[in-house]
Protein backbone atom coordinates (compact mmCIF):
# COMPACT_ATOMS: atom_id res chain seq x y z
CA SER A 1 71.94 -102.74 -4.93
CA PRO A 2 71.86 -104.74 -8.05
CA ASP A 3 70.80 -107.83 -6.29
CA VAL A 4 66.88 -108.01 -5.38
CA TRP A 5 65.75 -110.96 -3.05
CA TYR A 6 62.47 -112.45 -2.41
CA GLN A 7 60.98 -115.04 0.07
CA PHE A 8 58.86 -118.33 -1.41
CA THR A 9 57.16 -120.47 0.80
CA PRO A 10 54.83 -123.04 -1.50
CA GLY A 11 51.64 -124.69 0.21
CA SER A 12 52.34 -128.12 -1.60
CA ALA A 13 55.63 -129.91 -3.18
CA GLY A 14 56.21 -129.25 -6.72
CA THR A 15 58.60 -127.44 -9.04
CA LEU A 16 59.44 -124.17 -8.53
CA THR A 17 60.13 -122.23 -11.92
CA VAL A 18 61.57 -118.30 -11.99
CA ASN A 19 62.48 -116.10 -14.98
CA THR A 20 63.20 -112.66 -16.01
CA CYS A 21 62.37 -113.42 -19.97
CA GLY A 22 59.48 -110.90 -21.61
CA ILE A 23 59.66 -107.20 -22.72
CA GLY A 24 59.78 -105.56 -19.22
CA THR A 25 63.40 -106.79 -18.35
CA ASN A 26 65.99 -103.95 -19.93
CA PHE A 27 69.21 -105.77 -18.47
CA ASN A 28 71.26 -108.65 -18.39
CA THR A 29 69.84 -110.53 -15.38
CA VAL A 30 70.93 -113.75 -13.96
CA VAL A 31 68.21 -115.45 -11.41
CA SER A 32 68.83 -118.48 -8.78
CA ILE A 33 66.72 -119.74 -6.13
CA HIS A 34 68.24 -120.82 -2.76
CA SER A 35 67.43 -123.29 -0.09
CA ALA A 36 68.38 -121.55 3.29
CA SER A 37 67.41 -118.45 4.76
CA CYS A 38 69.32 -115.36 4.73
CA PRO A 39 72.28 -115.03 4.05
CA ALA A 40 71.80 -117.15 1.04
CA SER A 41 75.41 -118.89 0.13
CA PRO A 42 76.80 -120.81 -2.62
CA GLN A 43 76.69 -123.37 -0.69
CA THR A 44 72.77 -123.27 -0.35
CA GLU A 45 72.04 -122.63 -4.30
CA LEU A 46 69.31 -125.64 -5.84
CA ALA A 47 70.07 -123.71 -9.65
CA CYS A 48 70.98 -120.75 -11.15
CA ASN A 49 70.87 -119.58 -14.76
CA ASP A 50 72.21 -116.82 -17.12
CA ASP A 51 70.74 -115.96 -20.42
CA ALA A 52 67.89 -118.85 -21.01
CA CYS A 53 66.19 -116.54 -23.01
CA GLY A 54 68.23 -113.66 -24.72
CA ALA A 55 70.05 -112.02 -21.64
CA SER A 56 67.10 -112.88 -19.30
CA SER A 57 67.37 -115.91 -17.27
CA GLN A 58 65.31 -118.73 -16.06
CA ALA A 59 65.85 -121.45 -12.91
CA SER A 60 63.98 -124.24 -12.16
CA ALA A 61 64.38 -126.17 -8.61
CA ALA A 62 62.20 -128.94 -6.79
CA VAL A 63 60.49 -127.57 -3.60
CA VAL A 64 59.14 -128.49 -0.41
CA ALA A 65 55.74 -127.59 1.11
CA GLY A 66 56.14 -124.91 3.85
CA THR A 67 59.74 -124.54 3.34
CA THR A 68 60.96 -121.05 2.73
CA TYR A 69 62.75 -120.37 -0.22
CA LEU A 70 64.77 -117.37 -1.49
CA ILE A 71 64.94 -116.32 -5.07
CA ARG A 72 68.00 -113.45 -6.30
CA VAL A 73 67.69 -111.28 -9.34
CA ALA A 74 70.85 -109.89 -9.72
CA GLY A 75 72.62 -108.38 -12.61
CA ALA A 76 74.98 -109.95 -14.47
CA GLY A 77 78.45 -108.33 -14.00
CA GLY A 78 76.77 -105.41 -11.91
CA ALA A 79 74.15 -104.72 -14.13
CA THR A 80 71.03 -102.71 -13.30
CA GLY A 81 67.59 -101.95 -14.50
CA SER A 82 63.85 -103.15 -14.76
CA TYR A 83 62.84 -106.46 -15.36
CA GLU A 84 59.70 -108.37 -14.95
CA LEU A 85 60.09 -111.56 -12.56
CA HIS A 86 57.58 -114.54 -13.44
CA VAL A 87 57.26 -117.42 -10.41
CA SER A 88 55.20 -120.48 -11.64
CA GLY A 89 55.13 -123.60 -9.43
CA PRO A 90 53.37 -124.69 -6.57
CA GLU A 91 50.47 -122.51 -4.66
């Protein structure tokens, strides 16, 4: 599948930022952050981005301690390849 999902549960409130920007990404990515558990849907999407840094993407969202969030990395138009996922924010 061209979609890969990750779970993130912060230990404190803050801003979660995820991106695929970097030399390890070799295809056109789309990243999104969702507020609910699987299955995620457009209604649970907190942030989404395509092409923030060239063909790579970056999204940020406010998060609450102890709440589980889903991070989706997809290929624009179904593209696949390798990528580096960078995550910053609360522990």
